Protein backbone atom coordinates (compact mmCIF):
# COMPACT_ATOMS: atom_id res chain seq x y z
CA MET A 1 173.06 82.09 -53.80
CA GLU A 2 170.51 82.37 -51.01
CA THR A 3 171.95 82.21 -47.51
CA THR A 4 168.66 82.16 -45.61
CA THR A 5 165.83 79.82 -46.40
CA ASP A 6 162.53 78.64 -44.95
CA ARG A 7 162.96 75.24 -46.55
CA ILE A 8 165.47 72.39 -46.29
CA ILE A 9 168.06 71.90 -49.03
CA ILE A 10 168.64 68.22 -49.82
CA PHE A 11 172.25 67.42 -50.75
CA ASP A 12 172.59 63.87 -52.06
CA THR A 13 175.93 62.09 -51.70
CA THR A 14 174.89 58.64 -52.99
CA LEU A 15 177.38 58.89 -55.86
CA ARG A 16 180.28 60.01 -53.66
CA ASP A 17 180.12 58.94 -50.02
CA GLY A 18 177.48 56.31 -50.78
CA GLU A 19 179.71 54.69 -53.38
CA GLN A 20 182.44 54.31 -50.75
CA CYS A 21 180.36 51.55 -49.18
CA PRO A 22 182.36 48.30 -49.58
CA GLY A 23 181.36 46.56 -52.81
CA ALA A 24 179.11 49.36 -54.09
CA THR A 25 181.44 50.63 -56.83
CA LEU A 26 179.55 52.02 -59.85
CA ASN A 27 180.76 52.58 -63.41
CA VAL A 28 180.26 55.88 -65.26
CA ASP A 29 177.02 54.87 -67.00
CA GLU A 30 175.52 53.56 -63.76
CA LYS A 31 176.38 56.83 -62.02
CA LEU A 32 174.73 58.78 -64.83
CA THR A 33 171.57 56.68 -64.56
CA ILE A 34 171.37 57.35 -60.82
CA ALA A 35 172.13 61.07 -61.29
CA ARG A 36 169.20 61.39 -63.69
CA ALA A 37 166.95 59.64 -61.17
CA LEU A 38 168.14 62.01 -58.42
CA ALA A 39 167.29 64.98 -60.65
CA ARG A 40 163.76 63.61 -61.16
CA LEU A 41 163.53 63.04 -57.40
CA GLY A 42 164.15 66.75 -56.91
CA VAL A 43 167.37 66.83 -54.91
CA ASP A 44 168.91 70.30 -54.79
CA VAL A 45 172.56 69.26 -54.94
CA ILE A 46 174.11 66.09 -56.39
CA GLU A 47 177.60 65.34 -55.10
CA ALA A 48 178.74 63.48 -58.20
CA GLY A 49 182.17 62.34 -57.07
CA PHE A 50 185.77 63.09 -56.15
CA PRO A 51 187.42 64.05 -59.49
CA PHE A 52 191.03 63.96 -58.27
CA ALA A 53 190.61 60.44 -56.84
CA SER A 54 190.65 58.63 -60.20
CA PRO A 55 190.17 59.14 -63.96
CA GLY A 56 186.86 57.27 -63.63
CA ASP A 57 185.58 59.67 -60.98
CA PHE A 58 186.65 62.66 -63.08
CA GLU A 59 184.84 61.27 -66.13
CA ALA A 60 181.68 60.56 -64.13
CA VAL A 61 181.53 64.07 -62.65
CA GLU A 62 182.18 65.67 -66.04
CA LYS A 63 179.54 63.53 -67.77
CA ILE A 64 176.93 64.22 -65.08
CA ALA A 65 177.77 67.94 -65.20
CA ARG A 66 177.26 67.93 -68.97
CA THR A 67 174.08 65.87 -69.18
CA VAL A 68 172.16 66.36 -65.92
CA SER A 69 172.86 70.02 -65.13
CA THR A 70 171.63 71.61 -68.35
CA GLU A 71 169.06 74.08 -67.07
CA GLU A 72 168.91 76.59 -64.23
CA VAL A 73 165.97 74.70 -62.73
CA GLY A 74 168.00 71.48 -62.43
CA PRO A 75 170.19 70.37 -59.53
CA THR A 76 173.55 71.87 -58.64
CA ILE A 77 176.36 69.42 -59.47
CA CYS A 78 178.98 69.25 -56.74
CA ALA A 79 182.48 67.76 -56.70
CA LEU A 80 184.53 66.93 -53.62
CA ALA A 81 188.12 68.14 -53.16
CA ARG A 82 190.59 68.02 -50.31
CA ALA A 83 191.95 71.41 -49.27
CA LYS A 84 194.70 71.07 -51.87
CA LYS A 85 195.16 73.04 -55.08
CA GLU A 86 195.44 69.97 -57.31
CA ASP A 87 192.17 68.56 -55.95
CA ILE A 88 190.32 71.85 -56.30
CA LYS A 89 191.60 72.42 -59.83
CA ALA A 90 190.50 68.91 -60.89
CA ALA A 91 187.04 69.51 -59.40
CA ALA A 92 186.72 72.83 -61.25
CA GLU A 93 187.76 71.21 -64.56
CA ALA A 94 185.28 68.35 -64.18
CA LEU A 95 182.45 70.76 -63.33
CA LYS A 96 182.99 73.11 -66.29
CA PRO A 97 180.02 71.84 -68.35
CA ALA A 98 177.51 72.27 -65.48
CA ALA A 99 174.87 75.01 -65.56
CA LYS A 100 175.09 75.13 -61.77
CA ALA A 101 178.25 73.87 -60.07
CA ARG A 102 179.76 73.72 -56.59
CA ILE A 103 183.20 72.86 -55.28
CA HIS A 104 183.10 71.13 -51.90
CA THR A 105 186.46 71.32 -50.15
CA PHE A 106 187.29 69.91 -46.73
CA ILE A 107 189.98 69.56 -44.10
CA SER A 108 190.16 67.79 -40.73
CA THR A 109 189.77 69.93 -37.60
CA SER A 110 189.64 67.61 -34.57
CA ASP A 111 192.70 67.30 -32.33
CA ILE A 112 193.01 63.58 -33.04
CA HIS A 113 192.95 64.13 -36.82
CA LEU A 114 195.37 67.06 -36.66
CA LYS A 115 197.83 65.06 -34.58
CA TYR A 116 197.72 61.66 -36.28
CA GLN A 117 196.38 62.30 -39.79
CA LEU A 118 197.40 65.78 -40.92
CA LYS A 119 200.33 66.23 -38.50
CA LYS A 120 199.71 69.98 -38.55
CA SER A 121 199.00 72.65 -35.95
CA LYS A 122 195.69 74.46 -35.57
CA SER A 123 197.16 77.68 -36.94
CA GLU A 124 198.48 75.87 -40.03
CA VAL A 125 195.08 74.34 -40.73
CA LEU A 126 193.40 77.73 -40.28
CA ALA A 127 195.67 79.21 -42.93
CA ILE A 128 195.17 76.28 -45.32
CA ALA A 129 191.38 76.44 -45.00
CA GLU A 130 191.29 80.16 -45.72
CA GLU A 131 193.67 79.88 -48.69
CA MET A 132 191.95 76.88 -50.28
CA VAL A 133 188.42 78.29 -49.94
CA SER A 134 189.69 81.46 -51.61
CA TYR A 135 191.31 79.36 -54.35
CA ALA A 136 188.05 77.45 -54.95
CA LYS A 137 186.22 80.77 -55.04
CA SER A 138 188.45 81.85 -57.95
CA PHE A 139 186.78 79.14 -60.07
CA MET A 140 183.13 79.61 -59.08
CA ASP A 141 180.84 81.46 -56.67
CA ASP A 142 179.30 78.40 -55.02
CA VAL A 143 181.82 76.94 -52.57
CA GLU A 144 181.15 74.59 -49.68
CA PHE A 145 183.62 74.09 -46.85
CA SER A 146 183.60 71.10 -44.50
CA THR A 147 185.33 70.64 -41.16
CA MET A 148 185.98 66.90 -41.09
CA ASP A 149 185.33 65.26 -37.70
CA ALA A 150 183.56 68.43 -36.54
CA THR A 151 181.69 66.66 -33.73
CA ARG A 152 185.01 65.82 -32.04
CA THR A 153 186.50 69.28 -32.66
CA ASP A 154 186.99 71.91 -29.94
CA PRO A 155 183.97 74.23 -30.46
CA GLU A 156 186.03 77.43 -30.03
CA TYR A 157 188.42 76.30 -32.76
CA LEU A 158 185.50 75.27 -34.92
CA TYR A 159 184.03 78.78 -34.66
CA GLN A 160 187.36 80.29 -35.73
CA ILE A 161 187.85 78.14 -38.80
CA LEU A 162 184.24 78.56 -39.95
CA GLU A 163 184.50 82.34 -39.60
CA ARG A 164 187.69 82.35 -41.69
CA ALA A 165 186.15 80.09 -44.35
CA ILE A 166 183.07 82.26 -44.70
CA ALA A 167 185.23 85.38 -44.92
CA ALA A 168 187.21 83.67 -47.71
CA GLY A 169 184.01 83.05 -49.69
CA ALA A 170 182.35 79.83 -48.49
CA THR A 171 178.60 80.00 -49.18
CA THR A 172 177.86 76.73 -47.34
CA ILE A 173 179.59 75.52 -44.20
CA ASN A 174 179.22 71.82 -43.49
CA ILE A 175 179.39 70.25 -40.03
CA PRO A 176 180.09 66.52 -40.46
CA ASP A 177 179.62 63.86 -37.84
CA THR A 178 182.32 61.95 -39.71
CA VAL A 179 182.54 58.93 -37.42
CA GLY A 180 178.90 58.76 -36.29
CA TYR A 181 179.86 59.78 -32.76
CA THR A 182 177.39 62.44 -31.65
CA THR A 183 173.91 62.28 -30.10
CA PRO A 184 170.89 64.45 -30.99
CA SER A 185 171.11 66.86 -28.05
CA GLU A 186 174.87 67.31 -28.52
CA PHE A 187 174.50 67.91 -32.25
CA GLY A 188 171.71 70.42 -31.72
CA GLU A 189 173.84 72.31 -29.20
CA LEU A 190 176.78 72.32 -31.62
CA ILE A 191 174.68 73.87 -34.42
CA LYS A 192 173.18 76.36 -31.95
CA GLY A 193 176.67 77.33 -30.79
CA ILE A 194 177.78 77.96 -34.38
CA LYS A 195 174.74 80.17 -34.97
CA GLU A 196 175.53 82.18 -31.85
CA ASN A 197 179.34 82.37 -32.01
CA VAL A 198 180.34 82.67 -35.68
CA PRO A 199 179.92 86.40 -36.40
CA ASN A 200 179.42 86.12 -40.18
CA VAL A 201 177.36 82.91 -40.13
CA ASP A 202 174.41 84.75 -41.71
CA ARG A 203 176.41 84.86 -44.96
CA ALA A 204 176.35 81.06 -45.36
CA ILE A 205 174.00 78.08 -45.23
CA ILE A 206 174.68 75.68 -42.36
CA SER A 207 174.85 72.10 -43.61
CA VAL A 208 175.18 68.80 -41.76
CA HIS A 209 176.61 65.44 -42.81
CA GLY A 210 176.11 62.33 -40.70
CA HIS A 211 176.87 58.64 -40.35
CA ASN A 212 174.71 56.00 -38.73
CA ASP A 213 177.29 54.11 -36.65
CA ILE A 214 175.12 54.07 -33.53
CA GLY A 215 171.79 54.43 -35.32
CA LEU A 216 171.27 58.13 -34.60
CA ALA A 217 171.89 59.77 -37.99
CA VAL A 218 168.28 60.80 -38.75
CA ALA A 219 167.62 61.89 -35.15
CA ASN A 220 170.79 63.99 -35.21
CA PHE A 221 169.70 65.71 -38.42
CA LEU A 222 166.24 66.53 -37.09
CA GLU A 223 167.78 68.16 -34.03
CA ALA A 224 170.18 70.08 -36.28
CA VAL A 225 167.22 71.40 -38.31
CA LYS A 226 165.57 72.66 -35.11
CA ASN A 227 168.74 74.62 -34.33
CA GLY A 228 169.35 76.22 -37.72
CA ALA A 229 170.78 73.67 -40.18
CA ARG A 230 169.23 74.21 -43.60
CA GLN A 231 171.13 71.73 -45.80
CA LEU A 232 171.09 68.00 -45.11
CA GLU A 233 173.66 65.68 -46.71
CA CYS A 234 172.27 62.19 -47.16
CA ALA A 235 172.23 59.12 -49.42
CA ILE A 236 169.57 56.89 -50.96
CA ASN A 237 168.93 53.81 -48.79
CA GLY A 238 171.45 55.21 -46.30
CA ILE A 239 174.38 53.62 -48.16
CA GLY A 240 177.89 54.79 -47.35
CA GLU A 241 181.00 53.99 -45.38
CA ARG A 242 180.68 51.66 -42.37
CA ALA A 243 177.06 51.81 -41.15
CA GLY A 244 176.19 54.28 -43.90
CA ASN A 245 175.07 57.87 -44.32
CA THR A 246 171.86 59.46 -43.14
CA ALA A 247 169.12 57.90 -45.30
CA LEU A 248 167.56 60.44 -47.67
CA GLU A 249 164.17 58.73 -47.73
CA GLU A 250 163.99 58.63 -43.93
CA ILE A 251 164.91 62.25 -43.27
CA VAL A 252 162.68 63.55 -46.10
CA MET A 253 159.65 61.55 -44.97
CA ALA A 254 160.24 62.47 -41.31
CA LEU A 255 160.05 66.14 -42.32
CA HIS A 256 157.06 65.41 -44.57
CA VAL A 257 155.01 63.45 -42.04
CA ARG A 258 155.85 65.76 -39.10
CA ARG A 259 155.94 69.11 -40.95
CA GLN A 260 153.44 70.67 -38.53
CA TYR A 261 155.97 70.05 -35.76
CA PHE A 262 158.94 71.36 -37.75
CA ASN A 263 157.21 74.33 -39.44
CA PRO A 264 157.84 76.79 -36.56
CA PHE A 265 161.56 76.04 -36.56
CA LEU A 266 161.66 77.31 -40.16
CA GLY A 267 159.60 80.40 -39.39
CA ARG A 268 156.39 78.98 -40.84
CA ASP A 269 152.85 78.80 -39.59
CA PRO A 270 152.43 75.47 -37.74
CA GLU A 271 149.46 74.53 -39.93
CA SER A 272 151.21 75.26 -43.22
CA THR A 273 150.93 72.35 -45.67
CA GLU A 274 153.78 73.54 -47.89
CA PRO A 275 156.48 70.85 -48.25
CA LEU A 276 159.67 71.44 -46.28
CA THR A 277 161.83 70.10 -49.14
CA ASN A 278 161.75 70.11 -52.94
CA ILE A 279 161.69 66.31 -53.06
CA ASP A 280 158.97 64.65 -55.16
CA THR A 281 158.21 61.94 -52.62
CA LYS A 282 156.44 59.79 -55.21
CA GLN A 283 159.85 59.21 -56.81
CA ILE A 284 161.37 57.81 -53.60
CA TYR A 285 160.50 54.14 -54.02
CA LYS A 286 161.64 53.78 -57.64
CA THR A 287 164.87 55.69 -56.90
CA SER A 288 165.53 53.42 -53.94
CA ARG A 289 165.00 50.31 -56.06
CA LEU A 290 167.24 51.68 -58.80
CA VAL A 291 170.12 52.37 -56.41
CA SER A 292 169.70 48.96 -54.78
CA SER A 293 169.71 47.26 -58.16
CA LEU A 294 172.75 49.05 -59.57
CA THR A 295 174.89 48.82 -56.43
CA GLY A 296 173.87 45.20 -55.74
CA MET A 297 173.01 46.16 -52.17
CA PRO A 298 169.70 44.60 -51.08
CA ILE A 299 167.33 46.58 -48.88
CA GLN A 300 166.55 44.90 -45.57
CA PRO A 301 162.83 44.01 -45.31
CA ASN A 302 162.30 46.07 -42.13
CA LYS A 303 164.08 49.16 -43.53
CA ALA A 304 162.11 52.32 -42.75
CA ILE A 305 160.13 53.83 -45.67
CA VAL A 306 161.36 51.56 -48.50
CA GLY A 307 161.69 48.10 -46.93
CA ALA A 308 159.40 45.31 -48.15
CA ASN A 309 157.67 45.23 -44.74
CA ALA A 310 157.37 49.01 -44.29
CA PHE A 311 153.65 48.95 -45.14
CA ALA A 312 152.91 45.31 -44.24
CA HIS A 313 150.73 44.29 -41.30
CA GLU A 314 150.65 40.77 -39.88
CA SER A 315 149.16 41.33 -36.43
CA GLY A 316 145.43 40.64 -36.42
CA ILE A 317 144.71 43.80 -34.43
CA HIS A 318 146.75 45.89 -36.87
CA GLN A 319 145.11 44.29 -39.92
CA ASP A 320 141.65 44.92 -38.52
CA GLY A 321 142.46 48.56 -37.80
CA VAL A 322 144.01 49.23 -41.21
CA LEU A 323 141.05 47.68 -43.01
CA LYS A 324 138.70 49.99 -41.11
CA ASN A 325 140.89 53.11 -41.40
CA LYS A 326 144.52 53.21 -42.58
CA LEU A 327 145.35 55.99 -40.13
CA THR A 328 144.91 53.60 -37.22
CA TYR A 329 148.31 51.99 -37.86
CA GLU A 330 149.84 53.86 -40.81
CA ILE A 331 151.33 57.36 -40.47
CA MET A 332 151.89 57.73 -44.22
CA ASP A 333 150.31 56.43 -47.40
CA ALA A 334 152.37 53.94 -49.41
CA GLN A 335 151.38 55.86 -52.53
CA SER A 336 153.11 58.97 -51.14
CA ILE A 337 156.49 57.32 -51.84
CA GLY A 338 155.38 55.97 -55.23
CA LEU A 339 154.56 52.44 -54.07
CA THR A 340 151.45 51.01 -55.71
CA ASP A 341 149.83 47.59 -55.74
CA ASN A 342 149.58 47.65 -59.54
CA GLN A 343 152.90 46.02 -60.39
CA ILE A 344 151.73 43.94 -63.39
CA VAL A 345 152.42 46.04 -66.46
CA LEU A 346 153.79 43.94 -69.32
CA GLY A 347 153.54 40.46 -70.80
CA LYS A 348 154.95 38.38 -73.64
CA HIS A 349 152.78 40.20 -76.20
CA SER A 350 154.05 43.64 -75.20
CA GLY A 351 156.02 45.50 -77.86
CA ARG A 352 159.35 47.28 -77.86
CA ASN A 353 157.80 50.75 -77.53
CA ALA A 354 155.77 49.78 -74.45
CA PHE A 355 158.92 48.24 -72.95
CA ARG A 356 160.98 51.39 -73.64
CA THR A 357 158.25 53.62 -72.15
CA ARG A 358 158.08 51.55 -68.96
CA LEU A 359 161.86 51.61 -68.61
CA LYS A 360 161.83 55.42 -68.76
CA GLU A 361 159.13 55.53 -66.09
CA LEU A 362 161.35 53.34 -63.90
CA GLY A 363 164.32 55.66 -64.41
CA PHE A 364 166.26 53.78 -67.10
CA GLU A 365 167.27 55.62 -70.27
CA LEU A 366 168.99 53.11 -72.54
CA SER A 367 170.78 53.40 -75.86
CA ASP A 368 169.25 51.51 -78.80
CA THR A 369 171.88 48.78 -78.41
CA ASP A 370 171.23 48.32 -74.70
CA LEU A 371 167.46 48.50 -75.25
CA ASN A 372 167.67 45.69 -77.79
CA LYS A 373 169.68 43.52 -75.40
CA ALA A 374 167.23 44.14 -72.57
CA PHE A 375 164.19 43.57 -74.82
CA VAL A 376 165.51 40.19 -76.02
CA ARG A 377 166.01 39.16 -72.39
CA PHE A 378 162.54 40.48 -71.50
CA LYS A 379 160.96 38.29 -74.17
CA GLU A 380 162.88 35.25 -72.90
CA VAL A 381 161.64 35.83 -69.35
CA ALA A 382 158.09 36.57 -70.57
CA ASP A 383 157.99 33.12 -72.20
CA LYS A 384 158.75 31.56 -68.81
CA LYS A 385 156.69 33.88 -66.58
CA LYS A 386 153.00 34.57 -67.00
CA GLU A 387 153.17 38.05 -65.48
CA ILE A 388 156.05 40.56 -65.66
CA THR A 389 156.26 43.13 -62.86
CA ASP A 390 158.25 46.35 -62.49
CA TRP A 391 160.60 44.43 -60.18
CA ASP A 392 161.19 41.82 -62.90
CA ILE A 393 161.95 44.56 -65.43
CA GLU A 394 164.44 46.22 -63.06
CA ALA A 395 166.14 42.86 -62.49
CA ILE A 396 166.35 42.22 -66.25
CA VAL A 397 167.91 45.60 -66.98
CA SER A 398 170.35 45.30 -64.10
CA ASP A 399 171.39 41.83 -65.21
CA GLU A 400 171.71 42.55 -68.94
CA ILE A 401 172.92 46.14 -69.08
CA GLN A 402 174.45 47.18 -65.77
CA GLN A 403 177.09 44.48 -65.46
CA ALA A 404 180.83 44.96 -65.05
CA PRO A 405 182.86 44.91 -68.29
CA GLU A 406 183.06 41.32 -69.54
CA LEU A 407 186.76 40.61 -69.36
CA PHE A 408 185.89 36.99 -68.69
CA ARG A 409 182.63 35.73 -70.21
CA LEU A 410 180.64 32.78 -68.94
CA GLU A 411 179.70 30.65 -71.97
CA LEU A 412 178.32 27.54 -70.27
CA VAL A 413 177.38 26.31 -66.83
CA GLN A 414 176.08 22.81 -66.15
CA VAL A 415 175.54 21.11 -62.78
CA SER A 416 174.71 17.70 -61.46
CA CYS A 417 173.44 17.23 -57.91
CA GLY A 418 171.01 15.32 -55.75
CA ASP A 419 170.58 13.84 -52.29
CA ARG A 420 172.70 10.79 -53.24
CA ALA A 421 175.12 12.45 -55.64
CA ARG A 422 178.16 14.62 -55.08
CA PRO A 423 177.44 18.07 -56.58
CA THR A 424 179.62 18.72 -59.62
CA ALA A 425 179.75 21.59 -62.09
CA THR A 426 181.21 22.11 -65.53
CA VAL A 427 181.85 25.63 -66.82
CA THR A 428 183.20 27.12 -70.02
CA VAL A 429 184.70 30.61 -69.80
CA ARG A 430 185.96 32.86 -72.58
CA THR A 431 189.14 34.68 -71.47
CA PRO A 432 189.95 38.34 -72.25
CA GLU A 433 192.22 37.00 -75.03
CA GLY A 434 189.29 35.17 -76.65
CA GLU A 435 190.30 31.63 -75.65
CA GLU A 436 187.58 29.25 -74.43
CA LEU A 437 188.54 27.20 -71.37
CA THR A 438 186.48 24.41 -69.80
CA ASP A 439 186.92 22.85 -66.37
CA ALA A 440 184.92 20.97 -63.75
CA ALA A 441 184.87 20.76 -59.97
CA ALA A 442 182.99 19.14 -57.11
CA GLY A 443 181.63 21.07 -54.14
CA THR A 444 179.49 20.91 -51.04
CA GLY A 445 176.54 22.08 -53.15
CA PRO A 446 175.83 23.09 -56.77
CA VAL A 447 176.75 26.74 -56.27
CA ASP A 448 179.97 25.88 -54.43
CA ALA A 449 180.86 23.50 -57.28
CA VAL A 450 180.20 26.23 -59.88
CA TYR A 451 182.40 28.72 -58.03
CA LYS A 452 185.24 26.24 -57.63
CA ALA A 453 185.09 25.40 -61.34
CA ILE A 454 185.14 29.09 -62.29
CA ASN A 455 188.09 29.71 -59.97
CA ARG A 456 190.04 26.90 -61.62
CA VAL A 457 189.61 28.62 -64.99
CA VAL A 458 189.96 32.27 -64.04
CA ASN A 459 192.68 31.79 -61.40
CA VAL A 460 192.21 35.18 -59.68
CA PRO A 461 192.78 34.89 -55.89
CA ASN A 462 189.75 36.00 -53.87
CA GLU A 463 187.75 35.30 -50.74
CA LEU A 464 183.97 34.93 -50.96
CA ILE A 465 182.57 36.90 -48.01
CA GLU A 466 178.86 37.14 -48.86
CA PHE A 467 176.36 35.17 -50.90
CA SER A 468 172.65 35.99 -50.87
CA VAL A 469 169.67 34.89 -52.94
CA LYS A 470 166.24 36.44 -52.91
CA SER A 471 163.10 36.15 -54.97
CA VAL A 472 162.22 39.26 -56.98
CA THR A 473 158.51 38.44 -56.84
CA ALA A 474 156.30 35.69 -55.44
CA GLY A 475 155.56 32.46 -57.29
CA ILE A 476 157.33 29.31 -58.43
CA ASP A 477 158.39 31.07 -61.67
CA ALA A 478 159.93 34.05 -59.89
CA ILE A 479 163.23 35.55 -60.95
CA GLY A 480 165.94 34.94 -58.37
CA GLU A 481 168.39 37.74 -57.61
CA VAL A 482 171.87 36.80 -56.43
CA THR A 483 174.30 39.21 -54.80
CA ILE A 484 177.83 38.20 -53.88
CA ARG A 485 180.85 40.00 -52.49
CA LEU A 486 184.49 39.05 -52.89
CA ARG A 487 187.45 40.34 -50.90
CA HIS A 488 190.94 40.80 -52.34
CA GLU A 489 193.70 42.70 -50.51
CA ASP A 490 191.19 44.35 -48.13
CA LYS A 491 189.00 45.64 -50.99
CA VAL A 492 185.49 44.36 -51.64
CA TYR A 493 184.01 43.72 -55.09
CA SER A 494 180.32 43.01 -55.63
CA GLY A 495 178.51 41.02 -58.27
CA HIS A 496 174.81 40.95 -59.00
CA SER A 497 172.66 38.90 -61.39
CA ALA A 498 169.10 37.74 -61.88
CA ASN A 499 167.63 34.73 -63.63
CA THR A 500 164.76 32.29 -63.32
CA ASP A 501 167.52 29.69 -62.78
CA ILE A 502 169.30 30.60 -59.55
CA ILE A 503 172.35 28.46 -60.43
CA VAL A 504 172.84 30.48 -63.61
CA ALA A 505 172.24 33.71 -61.66
CA SER A 506 174.81 32.62 -59.07
CA ALA A 507 177.41 31.89 -61.75
CA ARG A 508 176.82 35.20 -63.54
CA ALA A 509 176.95 37.18 -60.28
CA TYR A 510 180.25 35.53 -59.42
CA MET A 511 181.67 36.32 -62.88
CA SER A 512 180.53 39.95 -62.52
CA ALA A 513 182.40 40.34 -59.24
CA LEU A 514 185.49 38.59 -60.65
CA ASN A 515 185.45 40.94 -63.63
CA ARG A 516 185.36 43.95 -61.32
CA LEU A 517 188.24 42.50 -59.34
CA TYR A 518 190.25 41.59 -62.44
CA GLY A 519 189.59 45.01 -63.98
CA ALA A 520 190.90 46.70 -60.82
CA LEU A 521 194.04 44.55 -60.93
CA LEU A 522 194.63 45.47 -64.59
CA GLU A 523 194.15 49.17 -63.83
CA LYS A 524 196.60 48.96 -60.93
CA LYS A 525 199.16 47.20 -63.14
CA GLN A 526 198.78 49.87 -65.85
CA ARG A 527 199.30 52.65 -63.30
CA GLU A 528 202.44 50.97 -61.97
CA GLU A 529 203.82 50.51 -65.49
CA ALA A 530 203.10 54.16 -66.30
CA VAL A 531 205.07 55.27 -63.21
CA VAL A 532 208.03 53.07 -64.20
CA ASN A 533 208.04 54.36 -67.77
């Protein structure tokens, strides 16, 4: 493992920290689809999950390790573990099939965490860190150690624990801004201090992990790079806990667009045109869309790099300048992130093979069964829409294939509404036991009526906290995408669906979220029964 580098290592945590974003829970197959896309994107390390956290996480890490990390040229598959033997052992077991694997173990180091969370002294934590890094090292050579809440940790104590971790075998030391607290100058000084005061720091890569609570995550990372950080931990679309992680697409493109500025900090000639990362930037847009689609988390229009307005110009002065020379108001080419104007690719006469080929290009690798389901839906949409775009195809696949397990199945939805009628809805739902139940309800609008009718049948307590509808493409025949979020006992469950009929899409999205919620309740009940027995 190299410990010095003149390039930036990109560590993607979309499948671990990113998935902790409320409502963004992914199933095993969805995680595998994203992991394959991340491999094509060129990330160096994929943090696939937290194996000890749940059987589902263990299965996902093991499956990704087996299918994505099959060659030495592929990404390293990483698993998170607390500084506890049971966590580390679970991570090692899940990572066994990987060609390149890493255990990432962590422990809190700030005074506030030691006092209120760990309830341990500094000397106790020092001993635990050293012992657990050594234990992880007994399973594999590549071990990363993180000091949780590093930016609120006493620097002198931080130097001590990092020195001990490196001595015990850590090949990467990670400095997380766990609560999004620091500012660029402070973070740069912290990394500089580590470089100057940890005697054996040259034996490890310095990594940084950040959150965007006050909007400074990317700026903090850039300052860290200037002061010696060589691994950046980030997530697609910046998803993650609270305000999210550092956005991969933003930090990568900042280094790409301004590489002449950053080259000297990595010991390069200022005019060097060599990329600072291994990321294939032309894969950024499709990977962003894939993650948004599978997590059900829409991308805000003004989002940097991948937002719908990122390359749009409305001001007359801007439009005039761009038409004359793009460089007048654009610092990067839309094509550099894989965004092209040629979205129309398929129509109702397109065959199954052309459909399968386009799906692969978009990052979807489906089984024959799933391909058939998606193709049938594609043909249905093609009969209603004159032109089918990549966005339509992504919406179709997400709606047909990437749904939550159908514990409850929506068989019928019918509404009646108008400016002089009270909106009413009738629904028929098939229960997990196979029974068909029908009920009706009135509401303030057609969607409200549908949801009330579904609730009468399903009878699973929940609170609707978000409902959003957006058009996938322009035009009166556009597919409408609906995303909803439900809250139950302080946990959030998301549902996502797409249809040319937004009432149907709304009903299916609601059923998807309810199925996730109901599945979680069943799993909790099974765990409780297992403990009793």
